[in-house]
Amino acid sequence: VCAHCKKAGELGAMKQCSRCRSVTYCSVECQKKHWKLGGHKRVCVKGDSDTAHGGATGGGTTAGVGPPLKHPCPVCLDNEDDSSGFGMCFNCGQLYCGGCRDSLATTNDRGVTHCPTCRASIQASEVEVVRRLRRLLARPPGRHTRVALHSLAVQFQAGWGVAKDLGEAARLFRRSADEGHARAFNSLGALYANGWGVGQDDAEAVRLFRLGAELGDMGSQHHLGVFSERGQGVAQDDAVAARFFRLAADQEFPQAQHSLGSCYFLGKGVPQNPAEGARLWRLAAKQGHAESISLLASLPFGL
């Protein structure tokens, strides 16, 4: 079974991690994602498969590699769960690791997906999503709280399941940020950048993006790149912009892959290298980035 996508491969077709030889992958792409996002980088150690990941000890422990995982993913038990919230069940608040979030739902013969922890249907109306998030926030505070606050803020920002209210969205994003949720700094910063629900303030937007970027949020990193490139709320600096674009691109953020690719095409903040620019655009295009797809179609043959 592939350690990232959890799909069963044909016998002999799966490839082992060449370093620890304790996990297998169906493709190089899955291996890269598991290394960067699934937590394998943290636990991979050179050795045989009996010791590299704790052997038969299970329970999210890793022999010879520091202490046991603090919050092991309840599906694979190999990685820390994902506190960014992309894999949280809005019904029970359970968090899953990045490697399992794409397969966190099980499907029955009626095509209805369910949370593997609480078995509640994941397919829900926007009104039901709001109801579930409010119920989560009525529970005693926990690791689910900051994610639920951010998710409910998104519902208010978009008008999904509730009347659109940018002021309420800003209030909830701020509460989530106060709880230390990295994505909330980016979301609140975007409101200040655009003057949505709050007074327009580029300096405050940059401050919030910096806080999110320090916590590793790729959206915040990309926003700092954009603002540095424009000289918006911060000194104009193409090299700084390229550096922030790279931080986000290394996390496979398609907008940042496109932006960094553009830097290479134009030689802004990095040495001009159209081949590298095209490579980055292709990575973004694979994730559906429309502008990258369009520009790639216009490139001369050979790039």
Protein backbone atom coordinates (compact mmCIF):
# COMPACT_ATOMS: atom_id res chain seq x y z
CA VAL A 1 0.00 0.00 0.00
CA CYS A 2 1.32 3.44 -0.90
CA ALA A 3 2.26 5.32 2.28
CA HIS A 4 0.85 8.59 0.87
CA CYS A 5 -2.28 7.88 -1.16
CA LYS A 6 -3.07 4.54 0.56
CA LYS A 7 -3.77 2.84 -2.76
CA ALA A 8 -2.77 -0.78 -3.22
CA GLY A 9 -0.24 -1.29 -6.01
CA GLU A 10 0.67 -4.28 -8.09
CA LEU A 11 3.17 -6.70 -6.63
CA GLY A 12 6.67 -5.64 -7.62
CA ALA A 13 5.55 -2.24 -8.89
CA MET A 14 5.81 -0.39 -5.56
CA LYS A 15 9.05 1.41 -4.73
CA GLN A 16 10.63 1.52 -1.27
CA CYS A 17 12.06 4.59 0.40
CA SER A 18 15.74 4.11 -0.47
CA ARG A 19 16.86 5.50 2.89
CA CYS A 20 14.82 3.69 5.53
CA ARG A 21 13.23 0.96 3.34
CA SER A 22 10.26 0.84 5.70
CA VAL A 23 7.59 2.49 3.52
CA THR A 24 6.55 2.05 -0.11
CA TYR A 25 5.12 4.36 -2.75
CA CYS A 26 3.22 3.97 -6.01
CA SER A 27 4.97 6.95 -7.64
CA VAL A 28 7.73 9.50 -7.21
CA GLU A 29 5.07 12.20 -6.81
CA CYS A 30 3.54 10.39 -3.80
CA GLN A 31 7.01 9.93 -2.30
CA LYS A 32 7.74 13.66 -2.56
CA LYS A 33 4.39 14.63 -1.05
CA HIS A 34 4.79 12.15 1.83
CA TRP A 35 8.30 13.50 2.51
CA LYS A 36 7.22 17.15 2.56
CA LEU A 37 3.61 17.05 3.78
CA GLY A 38 3.00 13.61 5.26
CA GLY A 39 5.67 13.74 7.96
CA HIS A 40 8.07 11.12 6.58
CA LYS A 41 10.96 13.59 6.61
CA ARG A 42 10.69 13.73 10.39
CA VAL A 43 10.80 9.99 10.99
CA CYS A 44 12.94 8.66 8.13
CA VAL A 45 16.22 7.20 9.37
CA LYS A 46 18.79 5.07 7.62
CA GLY A 47 18.42 1.46 8.69
CA ASP A 48 16.39 -1.68 8.20
CA SER A 49 12.61 -1.81 8.17
CA ASP A 50 12.44 -3.41 11.62
CA THR A 51 13.92 -0.37 13.36
CA ALA A 52 13.54 2.64 11.11
CA HIS A 53 10.00 3.40 12.22
CA GLY A 54 9.79 1.68 15.55
CA GLY A 55 9.27 -1.84 14.18
CA ALA A 56 6.24 -3.47 15.72
CA THR A 57 5.94 -0.97 18.53
CA GLY A 58 3.22 1.02 16.70
CA GLY A 59 1.32 3.78 18.43
CA GLY A 60 3.16 6.53 16.63
CA THR A 61 6.58 5.86 18.17
CA THR A 62 9.83 5.87 16.26
CA ALA A 63 12.77 3.92 17.67
CA GLY A 64 15.90 6.03 17.88
CA VAL A 65 14.25 9.16 16.49
CA GLY A 66 13.26 11.33 19.40
CA PRO A 67 10.10 11.01 21.49
CA PRO A 68 6.78 9.48 20.40
CA LEU A 69 4.57 11.56 18.15
CA LYS A 70 2.60 14.10 20.15
CA HIS A 71 -0.56 13.85 18.05
CA PRO A 72 -0.34 10.73 15.83
CA CYS A 73 -2.75 10.54 12.92
CA PRO A 74 -5.51 8.09 13.96
CA VAL A 75 -5.47 6.43 10.52
CA CYS A 76 -1.81 5.63 9.87
CA LEU A 77 -0.26 6.30 13.33
CA ASP A 78 2.98 7.14 11.48
CA ASN A 79 2.76 10.94 11.28
CA GLU A 80 1.64 13.95 13.26
CA ASP A 81 -1.91 14.92 12.42
CA ASP A 82 -2.50 18.09 10.41
CA SER A 83 -3.36 21.04 12.62
CA SER A 84 -3.79 23.25 9.54
CA GLY A 85 -7.34 21.88 9.45
CA PHE A 86 -7.48 20.71 5.85
CA GLY A 87 -8.22 17.21 7.12
CA MET A 88 -10.54 17.97 10.03
CA CYS A 89 -13.96 16.35 10.29
CA PHE A 90 -16.45 19.15 10.98
CA ASN A 91 -18.71 16.75 12.86
CA CYS A 92 -16.34 15.29 15.46
CA GLY A 93 -13.29 17.58 15.13
CA GLN A 94 -10.85 14.74 14.45
CA LEU A 95 -7.65 15.77 12.67
CA TYR A 96 -5.74 13.62 10.19
CA CYS A 97 -2.24 13.86 8.72
CA GLY A 98 -1.55 15.34 5.31
CA GLY A 99 -0.85 11.91 3.87
CA CYS A 100 -4.22 10.53 4.94
CA ARG A 101 -6.47 13.51 4.38
CA ASP A 102 -7.05 12.65 0.71
CA SER A 103 -8.26 9.22 1.76
CA LEU A 104 -9.83 10.06 5.13
CA ALA A 105 -13.29 9.32 3.78
CA THR A 106 -14.55 5.82 3.20
CA THR A 107 -17.22 5.18 0.59
CA ASN A 108 -20.14 2.80 0.88
CA ASP A 109 -22.11 1.25 -1.97
CA ARG A 110 -24.37 4.32 -2.15
CA GLY A 111 -21.46 6.66 -2.82
CA VAL A 112 -21.83 8.50 0.50
CA THR A 113 -18.58 9.41 2.22
CA HIS A 114 -18.18 9.12 5.99
CA CYS A 115 -15.61 10.18 8.57
CA PRO A 116 -13.72 7.01 9.58
CA THR A 117 -13.71 8.17 13.22
CA CYS A 118 -17.31 9.20 13.93
CA ARG A 119 -18.93 7.71 10.78
CA ALA A 120 -20.89 10.92 10.16
CA SER A 121 -21.55 11.76 6.54
CA ILE A 122 -18.96 14.22 5.19
CA GLN A 123 -21.29 15.30 2.39
CA ALA A 124 -23.41 18.00 3.99
CA SER A 125 -25.25 21.16 2.99
CA GLU A 126 -23.62 24.49 3.79
CA VAL A 127 -26.28 25.10 6.44
CA GLU A 128 -25.37 21.76 8.04
CA VAL A 129 -21.66 22.64 7.88
CA VAL A 130 -22.34 25.85 9.82
CA ARG A 131 -24.42 23.93 12.37
CA ARG A 132 -21.61 21.41 12.89
CA LEU A 133 -18.96 24.10 13.27
CA ARG A 134 -21.04 25.95 15.85
CA ARG A 135 -21.53 22.71 17.73
CA LEU A 136 -17.77 22.13 17.74
CA LEU A 137 -17.23 25.63 19.14
CA ALA A 138 -19.73 24.91 21.91
CA ARG A 139 -17.51 22.09 23.12
CA PRO A 140 -14.69 22.67 25.63
CA PRO A 141 -11.71 24.31 23.90
CA GLY A 142 -9.25 21.97 22.23
CA ARG A 143 -7.11 21.57 19.13
CA HIS A 144 -10.29 21.62 17.06
CA THR A 145 -11.22 25.12 18.23
CA ARG A 146 -8.89 27.25 16.10
CA VAL A 147 -9.72 25.21 13.00
CA ALA A 148 -13.46 25.47 13.62
CA LEU A 149 -13.16 29.25 14.13
CA HIS A 150 -11.31 29.64 10.85
CA SER A 151 -13.71 27.39 8.96
CA LEU A 152 -16.76 29.24 10.31
CA ALA A 153 -15.13 32.54 9.32
CA VAL A 154 -14.78 31.25 5.77
CA GLN A 155 -18.52 30.47 5.74
CA PHE A 156 -19.31 34.07 6.76
CA GLN A 157 -16.81 35.50 4.27
CA ALA A 158 -18.36 33.57 1.38
CA GLY A 159 -21.98 33.62 2.57
CA TRP A 160 -22.15 29.83 2.64
CA GLY A 161 -24.94 28.61 4.90
CA VAL A 162 -25.20 32.04 6.55
CA ALA A 163 -25.75 35.63 5.48
CA LYS A 164 -22.47 37.09 4.18
CA ASP A 165 -20.86 39.16 6.93
CA LEU A 166 -17.25 40.27 6.43
CA GLY A 167 -17.12 41.93 9.84
CA GLU A 168 -18.05 38.65 11.54
CA ALA A 169 -15.56 36.83 9.32
CA ALA A 170 -12.79 39.19 10.46
CA ARG A 171 -13.77 38.69 14.11
CA LEU A 172 -13.63 34.90 13.78
CA PHE A 173 -10.36 34.94 11.80
CA ARG A 174 -8.84 37.08 14.57
CA ARG A 175 -10.00 34.66 17.27
CA SER A 176 -8.51 31.78 15.28
CA ALA A 177 -5.24 33.69 14.84
CA ASP A 178 -5.17 34.41 18.57
CA GLU A 179 -5.34 30.64 19.06
CA GLY A 180 -2.23 30.31 16.88
CA HIS A 181 -3.81 29.01 13.68
CA ALA A 182 -1.34 29.75 10.87
CA ARG A 183 -3.92 29.97 8.06
CA ALA A 184 -5.94 32.52 10.03
CA PHE A 185 -3.12 35.07 9.82
CA ASN A 186 -3.21 34.81 6.04
CA SER A 187 -7.00 35.03 5.89
CA LEU A 188 -7.16 38.04 8.20
CA GLY A 189 -4.26 39.68 6.37
CA ALA A 190 -6.14 39.34 3.09
CA LEU A 191 -9.11 41.17 4.61
CA TYR A 192 -6.86 44.07 5.64
CA ALA A 193 -5.19 44.10 2.23
CA ASN A 194 -8.56 44.49 0.52
CA GLY A 195 -10.46 46.47 3.16
CA TRP A 196 -13.08 43.75 3.55
CA GLY A 197 -14.86 44.01 6.91
CA VAL A 198 -11.97 46.05 8.30
CA GLY A 199 -10.22 49.28 7.35
CA GLN A 200 -7.80 48.83 4.46
CA ASP A 201 -4.28 48.67 5.91
CA ASP A 202 -1.32 47.29 3.94
CA ALA A 203 1.04 47.56 6.91
CA GLU A 204 -1.27 45.47 9.09
CA ALA A 205 -1.72 42.97 6.26
CA VAL A 206 2.05 42.55 5.96
CA ARG A 207 2.40 42.16 9.75
CA LEU A 208 -0.18 39.37 9.72
CA PHE A 209 1.35 37.68 6.68
CA ARG A 210 4.73 37.68 8.43
CA LEU A 211 3.24 35.98 11.49
CA GLY A 212 1.62 33.35 9.30
CA ALA A 213 4.79 32.85 7.25
CA GLU A 214 6.81 32.28 10.42
CA LEU A 215 4.40 29.44 11.24
CA GLY A 216 4.97 27.95 7.79
CA ASP A 217 1.69 29.00 6.16
CA MET A 218 2.22 28.87 2.40
CA GLY A 219 -0.54 31.39 1.64
CA SER A 220 1.11 33.94 3.92
CA GLN A 221 4.50 33.24 2.33
CA HIS A 222 3.07 33.78 -1.15
CA HIS A 223 1.31 36.99 -0.09
CA LEU A 224 4.60 38.35 1.29
CA GLY A 225 6.20 37.56 -2.05
CA VAL A 226 3.47 39.45 -3.91
CA PHE A 227 3.67 42.46 -1.60
CA SER A 228 7.50 42.52 -1.80
CA GLU A 229 7.33 42.34 -5.58
CA ARG A 230 4.88 45.27 -5.71
CA GLY A 231 6.40 47.28 -2.89
CA GLN A 232 2.99 47.25 -1.21
CA GLY A 233 3.20 47.86 2.53
CA VAL A 234 6.88 46.91 2.44
CA ALA A 235 10.02 47.95 0.54
CA GLN A 236 10.05 46.70 -3.06
CA ASP A 237 12.57 43.86 -3.38
CA ASP A 238 12.47 41.23 -6.12
CA ALA A 239 15.00 39.00 -4.36
CA VAL A 240 12.89 38.93 -1.19
CA ALA A 241 9.80 38.25 -3.28
CA ALA A 242 11.47 35.28 -4.98
CA ARG A 243 12.60 33.94 -1.60
CA PHE A 244 9.05 33.94 -0.22
CA PHE A 245 7.67 32.49 -3.46
CA ARG A 246 10.18 29.64 -3.12
CA LEU A 247 9.18 28.90 0.47
CA ALA A 248 5.57 28.46 -0.63
CA ALA A 249 6.47 26.66 -3.87
CA ASP A 250 8.49 24.13 -1.87
CA GLN A 251 5.19 23.28 -0.17
CA GLU A 252 3.65 22.69 -3.63
CA PHE A 253 1.46 25.82 -3.51
CA PRO A 254 0.45 26.26 -7.18
CA GLN A 255 0.16 30.07 -7.10
CA ALA A 256 3.69 30.27 -5.69
CA GLN A 257 5.01 27.79 -8.26
CA HIS A 258 3.57 30.04 -10.96
CA SER A 259 4.93 33.23 -9.39
CA LEU A 260 8.41 31.79 -8.92
CA GLY A 261 8.32 30.47 -12.48
CA SER A 262 7.54 33.98 -13.70
CA CYS A 263 10.52 35.29 -11.73
CA TYR A 264 12.78 32.87 -13.59
CA PHE A 265 11.33 33.84 -16.96
CA LEU A 266 11.90 37.55 -16.29
CA GLY A 267 15.07 37.26 -14.21
CA LYS A 268 13.43 39.09 -11.29
CA GLY A 269 15.20 38.31 -8.02
CA VAL A 270 16.77 35.18 -9.53
CA PRO A 271 19.04 34.50 -12.52
CA GLN A 272 17.00 34.36 -15.71
CA ASN A 273 16.27 30.73 -16.57
CA PRO A 274 13.28 30.06 -18.87
CA ALA A 275 13.70 26.28 -18.55
CA GLU A 276 13.31 26.47 -14.77
CA GLY A 277 10.40 28.85 -15.19
CA ALA A 278 8.66 26.40 -17.52
CA ARG A 279 9.29 23.55 -15.08
CA LEU A 280 7.62 25.48 -12.27
CA TRP A 281 4.68 26.44 -14.47
CA ARG A 282 4.22 22.77 -15.34
CA LEU A 283 4.08 21.89 -11.65
CA ALA A 284 1.43 24.57 -11.14
CA ALA A 285 -0.47 23.44 -14.22
CA LYS A 286 -0.62 19.88 -12.89
CA GLN A 287 -2.62 21.29 -9.97
CA GLY A 288 -4.99 23.14 -12.30
CA HIS A 289 -3.48 26.62 -12.19
CA ALA A 290 -5.26 28.28 -15.12
CA GLU A 291 -2.70 30.98 -15.95
CA SER A 292 0.15 28.47 -15.99
CA ILE A 293 -1.83 26.21 -18.31
CA SER A 294 -2.52 29.12 -20.66
CA LEU A 295 1.06 30.41 -20.72
CA LEU A 296 2.55 26.95 -21.24
CA ALA A 297 0.46 26.59 -24.38
CA SER A 298 2.13 29.70 -25.82
CA LEU A 299 5.72 28.68 -25.08
CA PRO A 300 8.04 27.82 -27.95
CA PHE A 301 8.79 24.16 -28.56
CA GLY A 302 11.57 22.81 -26.39
CA LEU A 303 10.83 24.72 -23.21
